[in-house]
Amino acid sequence: MRSTALLLVCSLALAGCETKGRKVQRLQEQYNAEYTAYSKNCLDDETAGSSRMLTGKKLTDEEIAALEAKKKERDARCKPQADQLADLQRQIISAQQ
C-alpha cells in the first residue's frame, strides 16, 4: 500500500515536470517566432549607431536629426512588440523556476 502511494506521488511529480518542460518549450517557440518578426521590422543597423562608430563616419547635424527622428518613429511603432517579447521572457524565466 505504501509503495503504491509513493509510486503515485512520484508519478504525479514527474507529470508536473513534463508539463513544466512543455510549457517552457512552448513559450520559447513563441518567443523565437515573434523575435524573428521583431528583428526584421524593428532592428535597424542604420539607426543603431554602432556601424557609424566602427567606421568613424561623421554625420552632419541634419543627418543626425533625420536618423533620430527615424529611430523615434521606429521605437514608437515597435514598443508593443518589444513589450510582448519582454513579457514572454519573464514567463519563460518564471516557468523554468
PDB file of N, CA and C in Angstrom:
ATOM      1  N   MET A   1       0.816  -1.193   0.000  1.00  0.00           N
ATOM      2  CA  MET A   1       0.000   0.000   0.000  1.00  0.00           C
ATOM      3  C   MET A   1       0.862   1.261   0.000  1.00  0.00           C
ATOM      4  N   ARG A   2       1.882   1.258   0.881  1.00  0.00           N
ATOM      5  CA  ARG A   2       2.768   2.410   0.950  1.00  0.00           C
ATOM      6  C   ARG A   2       3.507   2.610  -0.358  1.00  0.00           C
ATOM      7  N   SER A   3       3.984   1.520  -0.941  1.00  0.00           N
ATOM      8  CA  SER A   3       4.740   1.649  -2.183  1.00  0.00           C
ATOM      9  C   SER A   3       3.841   2.143  -3.316  1.00  0.00           C
ATOM     10  N   THR A   4       2.566   1.769  -3.291  1.00  0.00           N
ATOM     11  CA  THR A   4       1.626   2.251  -4.301  1.00  0.00           C
ATOM     12  C   THR A   4       1.413   3.749  -4.148  1.00  0.00           C
ATOM     13  N   ALA A   5       1.276   4.210  -2.930  1.00  0.00           N
ATOM     14  CA  ALA A   5       1.086   5.639  -2.673  1.00  0.00           C
ATOM     15  C   ALA A   5       2.336   6.418  -3.080  1.00  0.00           C
ATOM     16  N   LEU A   6       3.500   5.857  -2.753  1.00  0.00           N
ATOM     17  CA  LEU A   6       4.755   6.517  -3.120  1.00  0.00           C
ATOM     18  C   LEU A   6       4.907   6.580  -4.637  1.00  0.00           C
ATOM     19  N   LEU A   7       4.572   5.503  -5.319  1.00  0.00           N
ATOM     20  CA  LEU A   7       4.635   5.466  -6.773  1.00  0.00           C
ATOM     21  C   LEU A   7       3.684   6.495  -7.380  1.00  0.00           C
ATOM     22  N   LEU A   8       2.499   6.629  -6.795  1.00  0.00           N
ATOM     23  CA  LEU A   8       1.522   7.606  -7.281  1.00  0.00           C
ATOM     24  C   LEU A   8       2.046   9.028  -7.109  1.00  0.00           C
ATOM     25  N   VAL A   9       2.624   9.321  -5.963  1.00  0.00           N
ATOM     26  CA  VAL A   9       3.171  10.651  -5.712  1.00  0.00           C
ATOM     27  C   VAL A   9       4.314  10.946  -6.668  1.00  0.00           C
ATOM     28  N   CYS A  10       5.192   9.982  -6.889  1.00  0.00           N
ATOM     29  CA  CYS A  10       6.311  10.174  -7.816  1.00  0.00           C
ATOM     30  C   CYS A  10       5.808  10.375  -9.239  1.00  0.00           C
ATOM     31  N   SER A  11       4.807   9.626  -9.625  1.00  0.00           N
ATOM     32  CA  SER A  11       4.244   9.769 -10.970  1.00  0.00           C
ATOM     33  C   SER A  11       3.645  11.148 -11.172  1.00  0.00           C
ATOM     34  N   LEU A  12       2.939  11.641 -10.178  1.00  0.00           N
ATOM     35  CA  LEU A  12       2.357  12.977 -10.273  1.00  0.00           C
ATOM     36  C   LEU A  12       3.443  14.043 -10.346  1.00  0.00           C
ATOM     37  N   ALA A  13       4.509  13.867  -9.598  1.00  0.00           N
ATOM     38  CA  ALA A  13       5.611  14.832  -9.622  1.00  0.00           C
ATOM     39  C   ALA A  13       6.275  14.842 -10.993  1.00  0.00           C
ATOM     40  N   LEU A  14       6.492  13.651 -11.560  1.00  0.00           N
ATOM     41  CA  LEU A  14       7.094  13.581 -12.886  1.00  0.00           C
ATOM     42  C   LEU A  14       6.180  14.160 -13.951  1.00  0.00           C
ATOM     43  N   ALA A  15       4.899  13.940 -13.829  1.00  0.00           N
ATOM     44  CA  ALA A  15       3.952  14.511 -14.791  1.00  0.00           C
ATOM     45  C   ALA A  15       3.986  16.031 -14.723  1.00  0.00           C
ATOM     46  N   GLY A  16       4.124  16.589 -13.536  1.00  0.00           N
ATOM     47  CA  GLY A  16       4.239  18.030 -13.375  1.00  0.00           C
ATOM     48  C   GLY A  16       5.498  18.573 -14.018  1.00  0.00           C
ATOM     49  N   CYS A  17       6.594  17.847 -13.926  1.00  0.00           N
ATOM     50  CA  CYS A  17       7.844  18.270 -14.548  1.00  0.00           C
ATOM     51  C   CYS A  17       7.718  18.263 -16.064  1.00  0.00           C
ATOM     52  N   GLU A  18       7.069  17.252 -16.613  1.00  0.00           N
ATOM     53  CA  GLU A  18       6.889  17.201 -18.057  1.00  0.00           C
ATOM     54  C   GLU A  18       6.042  18.383 -18.527  1.00  0.00           C
ATOM     55  N   THR A  19       4.997  18.695 -17.786  1.00  0.00           N
ATOM     56  CA  THR A  19       4.143  19.816 -18.144  1.00  0.00           C
ATOM     57  C   THR A  19       4.934  21.117 -18.080  1.00  0.00           C
ATOM     58  N   LYS A  20       5.761  21.256 -17.064  1.00  0.00           N
ATOM     59  CA  LYS A  20       6.593  22.445 -16.916  1.00  0.00           C
ATOM     60  C   LYS A  20       7.553  22.560 -18.097  1.00  0.00           C
ATOM     61  N   GLY A  21       8.165  21.437 -18.465  1.00  0.00           N
ATOM     62  CA  GLY A  21       9.091  21.429 -19.593  1.00  0.00           C
ATOM     63  C   GLY A  21       8.399  21.777 -20.901  1.00  0.00           C
ATOM     64  N   ARG A  22       7.209  21.244 -21.094  1.00  0.00           N
ATOM     65  CA  ARG A  22       6.460  21.546 -22.309  1.00  0.00           C
ATOM     66  C   ARG A  22       6.056  23.016 -22.351  1.00  0.00           C
ATOM     67  N   LYS A  23       5.709  23.568 -21.183  1.00  0.00           N
ATOM     68  CA  LYS A  23       5.323  24.978 -21.132  1.00  0.00           C
ATOM     69  C   LYS A  23       6.513  25.861 -21.510  1.00  0.00           C
ATOM     70  N   VAL A  24       7.673  25.558 -20.970  1.00  0.00           N
ATOM     71  CA  VAL A  24       8.872  26.325 -21.293  1.00  0.00           C
ATOM     72  C   VAL A  24       9.167  26.222 -22.786  1.00  0.00           C
ATOM     73  N   GLN A  25       9.058  25.018 -23.327  1.00  0.00           N
ATOM     74  CA  GLN A  25       9.318  24.817 -24.752  1.00  0.00           C
ATOM     75  C   GLN A  25       8.334  25.604 -25.612  1.00  0.00           C
ATOM     76  N   ARG A  26       7.062  25.578 -25.247  1.00  0.00           N
ATOM     77  CA  ARG A  26       6.034  26.313 -25.989  1.00  0.00           C
ATOM     78  C   ARG A  26       6.308  27.814 -25.950  1.00  0.00           C
ATOM     79  N   LEU A  27       6.632  28.328 -24.756  1.00  0.00           N
ATOM     80  CA  LEU A  27       6.934  29.755 -24.623  1.00  0.00           C
ATOM     81  C   LEU A  27       8.182  30.130 -25.420  1.00  0.00           C
ATOM     82  N   GLN A  28       9.194  29.267 -25.395  1.00  0.00           N
ATOM     83  CA  GLN A  28      10.428  29.545 -26.132  1.00  0.00           C
ATOM     84  C   GLN A  28      10.160  29.559 -27.631  1.00  0.00           C
ATOM     85  N   GLU A  29       9.343  28.629 -28.115  1.00  0.00           N
ATOM     86  CA  GLU A  29       8.998  28.603 -29.538  1.00  0.00           C
ATOM     87  C   GLU A  29       8.226  29.866 -29.933  1.00  0.00           C
ATOM     88  N   GLN A  30       7.307  30.295 -29.060  1.00  0.00           N
ATOM     89  CA  GLN A  30       6.547  31.516 -29.334  1.00  0.00           C
ATOM     90  C   GLN A  30       7.478  32.721 -29.355  1.00  0.00           C
ATOM     91  N   TYR A  31       8.401  32.784 -28.398  1.00  0.00           N
ATOM     92  CA  TYR A  31       9.362  33.891 -28.347  1.00  0.00           C
ATOM     93  C   TYR A  31      10.205  33.927 -29.624  1.00  0.00           C
ATOM     94  N   ASN A  32      10.724  32.763 -30.035  1.00  0.00           N
ATOM     95  CA  ASN A  32      11.572  32.704 -31.230  1.00  0.00           C
ATOM     96  C   ASN A  32      10.818  33.176 -32.472  1.00  0.00           C
ATOM     97  N   ALA A  33       9.564  32.759 -32.607  1.00  0.00           N
ATOM     98  CA  ALA A  33       8.766  33.165 -33.764  1.00  0.00           C
ATOM     99  C   ALA A  33       8.515  34.671 -33.748  1.00  0.00           C
ATOM    100  N   GLU A  34       8.160  35.210 -32.594  1.00  0.00           N
ATOM    101  CA  GLU A  34       7.882  36.645 -32.505  1.00  0.00           C
ATOM    102  C   GLU A  34       9.152  37.473 -32.641  1.00  0.00           C
ATOM    103  N   TYR A  35      10.278  36.966 -32.141  1.00  0.00           N
ATOM    104  CA  TYR A  35      11.520  37.716 -32.241  1.00  0.00           C
ATOM    105  C   TYR A  35      11.974  37.827 -33.692  1.00  0.00           C
ATOM    106  N   THR A  36      11.765  36.773 -34.468  1.00  0.00           N
ATOM    107  CA  THR A  36      12.140  36.813 -35.878  1.00  0.00           C
ATOM    108  C   THR A  36      11.427  37.963 -36.584  1.00  0.00           C
ATOM    109  N   ALA A  37      10.129  38.069 -36.365  1.00  0.00           N
ATOM    110  CA  ALA A  37       9.364  39.168 -36.977  1.00  0.00           C
ATOM    111  C   ALA A  37       9.822  40.518 -36.431  1.00  0.00           C
ATOM    112  N   TYR A  38      10.053  40.592 -35.130  1.00  0.00           N
ATOM    113  CA  TYR A  38      10.503  41.832 -34.495  1.00  0.00           C
ATOM    114  C   TYR A  38      11.846  42.274 -35.074  1.00  0.00           C
ATOM    115  N   SER A  39      12.775  41.340 -35.217  1.00  0.00           N
ATOM    116  CA  SER A  39      14.103  41.717 -35.706  1.00  0.00           C
ATOM    117  C   SER A  39      14.048  42.213 -37.148  1.00  0.00           C
ATOM    118  N   LYS A  40      13.171  41.625 -37.952  1.00  0.00           N
ATOM    119  CA  LYS A  40      13.052  42.083 -39.339  1.00  0.00           C
ATOM    120  C   LYS A  40      12.432  43.472 -39.419  1.00  0.00           C
ATOM    121  N   ASN A  41      11.457  43.752 -38.568  1.00  0.00           N
ATOM    122  CA  ASN A  41      10.708  45.009 -38.637  1.00  0.00           C
ATOM    123  C   ASN A  41      11.285  46.124 -37.770  1.00  0.00           C
ATOM    124  N   CYS A  42      12.010  45.767 -36.740  1.00  0.00           N
ATOM    125  CA  CYS A  42      12.348  46.787 -35.743  1.00  0.00           C
ATOM    126  C   CYS A  42      13.834  47.007 -35.469  1.00  0.00           C
ATOM    127  N   LEU A  43      14.671  46.114 -35.897  1.00  0.00           N
ATOM    128  CA  LEU A  43      16.096  46.317 -35.661  1.00  0.00           C
ATOM    129  C   LEU A  43      16.720  46.865 -36.929  1.00  0.00           C
ATOM    130  N   ASP A  44      17.298  48.033 -36.804  1.00  0.00           N
ATOM    131  CA  ASP A  44      17.821  48.731 -37.973  1.00  0.00           C
ATOM    132  C   ASP A  44      19.264  49.135 -37.700  1.00  0.00           C
ATOM    133  N   ASP A  45      20.193  48.531 -38.421  1.00  0.00           N
ATOM    134  CA  ASP A  45      21.610  48.849 -38.237  1.00  0.00           C
ATOM    135  C   ASP A  45      21.915  50.312 -38.530  1.00  0.00           C
ATOM    136  N   GLU A  46      21.179  50.877 -39.456  1.00  0.00           N
ATOM    137  CA  GLU A  46      21.453  52.258 -39.869  1.00  0.00           C
ATOM    138  C   GLU A  46      21.225  53.248 -38.730  1.00  0.00           C
ATOM    139  N   THR A  47      20.205  53.027 -37.920  1.00  0.00           N
ATOM    140  CA  THR A  47      19.925  53.961 -36.830  1.00  0.00           C
ATOM    141  C   THR A  47      20.502  53.502 -35.499  1.00  0.00           C
ATOM    142  N   ALA A  48      21.108  52.328 -35.479  1.00  0.00           N
ATOM    143  CA  ALA A  48      21.669  51.826 -34.227  1.00  0.00           C
ATOM    144  C   ALA A  48      22.909  52.602 -33.801  1.00  0.00           C
ATOM    145  N   GLY A  49      23.649  53.143 -34.756  1.00  0.00           N
ATOM    146  CA  GLY A  49      24.824  53.936 -34.412  1.00  0.00           C
ATOM    147  C   GLY A  49      26.107  53.135 -34.324  1.00  0.00           C
ATOM    148  N   SER A  50      26.019  51.845 -34.143  1.00  0.00           N
ATOM    149  CA  SER A  50      27.230  51.046 -33.976  1.00  0.00           C
ATOM    150  C   SER A  50      28.077  51.019 -35.242  1.00  0.00           C
ATOM    151  N   SER A  51      27.440  50.943 -36.400  1.00  0.00           N
ATOM    152  CA  SER A  51      28.226  50.903 -37.642  1.00  0.00           C
ATOM    153  C   SER A  51      28.960  52.219 -37.860  1.00  0.00           C
ATOM    154  N   ARG A  52      28.317  53.334 -37.513  1.00  0.00           N
ATOM    155  CA  ARG A  52      28.986  54.639 -37.665  1.00  0.00           C
ATOM    156  C   ARG A  52      30.179  54.741 -36.723  1.00  0.00           C
ATOM    157  N   MET A  53      30.025  54.221 -35.510  1.00  0.00           N
ATOM    158  CA  MET A  53      31.124  54.284 -34.553  1.00  0.00           C
ATOM    159  C   MET A  53      32.306  53.448 -35.030  1.00  0.00           C
ATOM    160  N   LEU A  54      32.020  52.295 -35.614  1.00  0.00           N
ATOM    161  CA  LEU A  54      33.096  51.418 -36.078  1.00  0.00           C
ATOM    162  C   LEU A  54      33.826  51.991 -37.287  1.00  0.00           C
ATOM    163  N   THR A  55      33.102  52.650 -38.163  1.00  0.00           N
ATOM    164  CA  THR A  55      33.726  53.199 -39.368  1.00  0.00           C
ATOM    165  C   THR A  55      34.293  54.590 -39.152  1.00  0.00           C
ATOM    166  N   GLY A  56      33.865  55.257 -38.094  1.00  0.00           N
ATOM    167  CA  GLY A  56      34.326  56.611 -37.832  1.00  0.00           C
ATOM    168  C   GLY A  56      33.668  57.651 -38.723  1.00  0.00           C
ATOM    169  N   LYS A  57      32.563  57.277 -39.355  1.00  0.00           N
ATOM    170  CA  LYS A  57      31.872  58.184 -40.258  1.00  0.00           C
ATOM    171  C   LYS A  57      31.292  59.364 -39.477  1.00  0.00           C
ATOM    172  N   LYS A  58      31.518  60.563 -39.989  1.00  0.00           N
ATOM    173  CA  LYS A  58      30.979  61.776 -39.372  1.00  0.00           C
ATOM    174  C   LYS A  58      29.696  62.162 -40.086  1.00  0.00           C
ATOM    175  N   LEU A  59      28.690  62.529 -39.316  1.00  0.00           N
ATOM    176  CA  LEU A  59      27.411  62.943 -39.881  1.00  0.00           C
ATOM    177  C   LEU A  59      27.167  64.423 -39.630  1.00  0.00           C
ATOM    178  N   THR A  60      26.420  65.029 -40.517  1.00  0.00           N
ATOM    179  CA  THR A  60      26.025  66.421 -40.307  1.00  0.00           C
ATOM    180  C   THR A  60      24.903  66.455 -39.280  1.00  0.00           C
ATOM    181  N   ASP A  61      24.633  67.641 -38.768  1.00  0.00           N
ATOM    182  CA  ASP A  61      23.549  67.791 -37.803  1.00  0.00           C
ATOM    183  C   ASP A  61      22.206  67.381 -38.407  1.00  0.00           C
ATOM    184  N   GLU A  62      22.005  67.678 -39.678  1.00  0.00           N
ATOM    185  CA  GLU A  62      20.754  67.316 -40.349  1.00  0.00           C
ATOM    186  C   GLU A  62      20.618  65.800 -40.471  1.00  0.00           C
ATOM    187  N   GLU A  63      21.715  65.125 -40.794  1.00  0.00           N
ATOM    188  CA  GLU A  63      21.677  63.659 -40.900  1.00  0.00           C
ATOM    189  C   GLU A  63      21.397  63.020 -39.549  1.00  0.00           C
ATOM    190  N   ILE A  64      22.006  63.566 -38.510  1.00  0.00           N
ATOM    191  CA  ILE A  64      21.776  63.052 -37.156  1.00  0.00           C
ATOM    192  C   ILE A  64      20.325  63.254 -36.763  1.00  0.00           C
ATOM    193  N   ALA A  65      19.770  64.428 -37.048  1.00  0.00           N
ATOM    194  CA  ALA A  65      18.369  64.713 -36.725  1.00  0.00           C
ATOM    195  C   ALA A  65      17.432  63.772 -37.475  1.00  0.00           C
ATOM    196  N   ALA A  66      17.715  63.511 -38.747  1.00  0.00           N
ATOM    197  CA  ALA A  66      16.880  62.599 -39.530  1.00  0.00           C
ATOM    198  C   ALA A  66      16.934  61.181 -38.979  1.00  0.00           C
ATOM    199  N   LEU A  67      18.137  60.738 -38.599  1.00  0.00           N
ATOM    200  CA  LEU A  67      18.267  59.400 -38.017  1.00  0.00           C
ATOM    201  C   LEU A  67      17.560  59.298 -36.674  1.00  0.00           C
ATOM    202  N   GLU A  68      17.654  60.347 -35.863  1.00  0.00           N
ATOM    203  CA  GLU A  68      16.975  60.347 -34.564  1.00  0.00           C
ATOM    204  C   GLU A  68      15.458  60.303 -34.736  1.00  0.00           C
ATOM    205  N   ALA A  69      14.949  61.048 -35.705  1.00  0.00           N
ATOM    206  CA  ALA A  69      13.504  61.032 -35.967  1.00  0.00           C
ATOM    207  C   ALA A  69      13.058  59.655 -36.429  1.00  0.00           C
ATOM    208  N   LYS A  70      13.856  59.051 -37.280  1.00  0.00           N
ATOM    209  CA  LYS A  70      13.535  57.704 -37.759  1.00  0.00           C
ATOM    210  C   LYS A  70      13.556  56.697 -36.615  1.00  0.00           C
ATOM    211  N   LYS A  71      14.537  56.844 -35.725  1.00  0.00           N
ATOM    212  CA  LYS A  71      14.644  55.955 -34.570  1.00  0.00           C
ATOM    213  C   LYS A  71      13.444  56.119 -33.641  1.00  0.00           C
ATOM    214  N   LYS A  72      13.033  57.354 -33.376  1.00  0.00           N
ATOM    215  CA  LYS A  72      11.877  57.594 -32.504  1.00  0.00           C
ATOM    216  C   LYS A  72      10.613  56.996 -33.090  1.00  0.00           C
ATOM    217  N   GLU A  73      10.428  57.152 -34.395  1.00  0.00           N
ATOM    218  CA  GLU A  73       9.247  56.583 -35.058  1.00  0.00           C
ATOM    219  C   GLU A  73       9.258  55.067 -34.955  1.00  0.00           C
ATOM    220  N   ARG A  74      10.420  54.464 -35.208  1.00  0.00           N
ATOM    221  CA  ARG A  74      10.532  53.008 -35.130  1.00  0.00           C
ATOM    222  C   ARG A  74      10.312  52.515 -33.706  1.00  0.00           C
ATOM    223  N   ASP A  75      10.874  53.207 -32.729  1.00  0.00           N
ATOM    224  CA  ASP A  75      10.696  52.809 -31.330  1.00  0.00           C
ATOM    225  C   ASP A  75       9.227  52.856 -30.922  1.00  0.00           C
ATOM    226  N   ALA A  76       8.528  53.903 -31.344  1.00  0.00           N
ATOM    227  CA  ALA A  76       7.101  54.014 -31.018  1.00  0.00           C
ATOM    228  C   ALA A  76       6.295  52.906 -31.700  1.00  0.00           C
ATOM    229  N   ARG A  77       6.626  52.609 -32.937  1.00  0.00           N
ATOM    230  CA  ARG A  77       5.920  51.577 -33.694  1.00  0.00           C
ATOM    231  C   ARG A  77       6.204  50.186 -33.138  1.00  0.00           C
ATOM    232  N   CYS A  78       7.406  49.975 -32.636  1.00  0.00           N
ATOM    233  CA  CYS A  78       7.833  48.640 -32.206  1.00  0.00           C
ATOM    234  C   CYS A  78       7.663  48.391 -30.702  1.00  0.00           C
ATOM    235  N   LYS A  79       7.272  49.402 -29.949  1.00  0.00           N
ATOM    236  CA  LYS A  79       7.146  49.244 -28.494  1.00  0.00           C
ATOM    237  C   LYS A  79       6.208  48.100 -28.106  1.00  0.00           C
ATOM    238  N   PRO A  80       5.033  47.941 -28.725  1.00  0.00           N
ATOM    239  CA  PRO A  80       4.172  46.821 -28.335  1.00  0.00           C
ATOM    240  C   PRO A  80       4.836  45.451 -28.543  1.00  0.00           C
ATOM    241  N   GLN A  81       5.568  45.317 -29.634  1.00  0.00           N
ATOM    242  CA  GLN A  81       6.268  44.057 -29.880  1.00  0.00           C
ATOM    243  C   GLN A  81       7.381  43.843 -28.858  1.00  0.00           C
ATOM    244  N   ALA A  82       8.111  44.887 -28.545  1.00  0.00           N
ATOM    245  CA  ALA A  82       9.185  44.781 -27.562  1.00  0.00           C
ATOM    246  C   ALA A  82       8.633  44.432 -26.187  1.00  0.00           C
ATOM    247  N   ASP A  83       7.511  45.036 -25.827  1.00  0.00           N
ATOM    248  CA  ASP A  83       6.875  44.723 -24.541  1.00  0.00           C
ATOM    249  C   ASP A  83       6.401  43.274 -24.504  1.00  0.00           C
ATOM    250  N   GLN A  84       5.847  42.775 -25.618  1.00  0.00           N
ATOM    251  CA  GLN A  84       5.390  41.388 -25.690  1.00  0.00           C
ATOM    252  C   GLN A  84       6.568  40.427 -25.541  1.00  0.00           C
ATOM    253  N   LEU A  85       7.681  40.735 -26.178  1.00  0.00           N
ATOM    254  CA  LEU A  85       8.868  39.888 -26.056  1.00  0.00           C
ATOM    255  C   LEU A  85       9.401  39.887 -24.625  1.00  0.00           C
ATOM    256  N   ALA A  86       9.401  41.043 -23.985  1.00  0.00           N
ATOM    257  CA  ALA A  86       9.853  41.128 -22.597  1.00  0.00           C
ATOM    258  C   ALA A  86       8.940  40.313 -21.687  1.00  0.00           C
ATOM    259  N   ASP A  87       7.635  40.358 -21.945  1.00  0.00           N
ATOM    260  CA  ASP A  87       6.687  39.571 -21.159  1.00  0.00           C
ATOM    261  C   ASP A  87       6.931  38.074 -21.363  1.00  0.00           C
ATOM    262  N   LEU A  88       7.177  37.668 -22.592  1.00  0.00           N
ATOM    263  CA  LEU A  88       7.467  36.256 -22.855  1.00  0.00           C
ATOM    264  C   LEU A  88       8.752  35.820 -22.146  1.00  0.00           C
ATOM    265  N   GLN A  89       9.753  36.690 -22.119  1.00  0.00           N
ATOM    266  CA  GLN A  89      10.992  36.370 -21.401  1.00  0.00           C
ATOM    267  C   GLN A  89      10.718  36.158 -19.914  1.00  0.00           C
ATOM    268  N   ARG A  90       9.894  37.030 -19.330  1.00  0.00           N
ATOM    269  CA  ARG A  90       9.546  36.883 -17.909  1.00  0.00           C
ATOM    270  C   ARG A  90       8.800  35.571 -17.675  1.00  0.00           C
ATOM    271  N   GLN A  91       7.886  35.222 -18.578  1.00  0.00           N
ATOM    272  CA  GLN A  91       7.131  33.972 -18.443  1.00  0.00           C
ATOM    273  C   GLN A  91       8.048  32.757 -18.556  1.00  0.00           C
ATOM    274  N   ILE A  92       9.015  32.813 -19.456  1.00  0.00           N
ATOM    275  CA  ILE A  92       9.949  31.712 -19.618  1.00  0.00           C
ATOM    276  C   ILE A  92      10.779  31.518 -18.363  1.00  0.00           C
ATOM    277  N   ILE A  93      11.300  32.623 -17.826  1.00  0.00           N
ATOM    278  CA  ILE A  93      12.113  32.543 -16.606  1.00  0.00           C
ATOM    279  C   ILE A  93      11.273  32.026 -15.451  1.00  0.00           C
ATOM    280  N   SER A  94      10.063  32.500 -15.330  1.00  0.00           N
ATOM    281  CA  SER A  94       9.164  32.046 -14.266  1.00  0.00           C
ATOM    282  C   SER A  94       8.858  30.557 -14.405  1.00  0.00           C
ATOM    283  N   ALA A  95       8.616  30.095 -15.623  1.00  0.00           N
ATOM    284  CA  ALA A  95       8.278  28.683 -15.850  1.00  0.00           C
ATOM    285  C   ALA A  95       9.484  27.776 -15.600  1.00  0.00           C
ATOM    286  N   GLN A  96      10.686  28.286 -15.749  1.00  0.00           N
ATOM    287  CA  GLN A  96      11.893  27.481 -15.534  1.00  0.00           C
ATOM    288  C   GLN A  96      12.187  27.282 -14.055  1.00  0.00           C
ATOM    289  N   GLN A  97      11.659  28.114 -13.219  1.00  0.00           N
ATOM    290  CA  GLN A  97      11.994  28.033 -11.784  1.00  0.00           C
ATOM    291  C   GLN A  97      11.119  27.043 -11.062  1.00  0.00           C
TER     292      GLN A  97
END
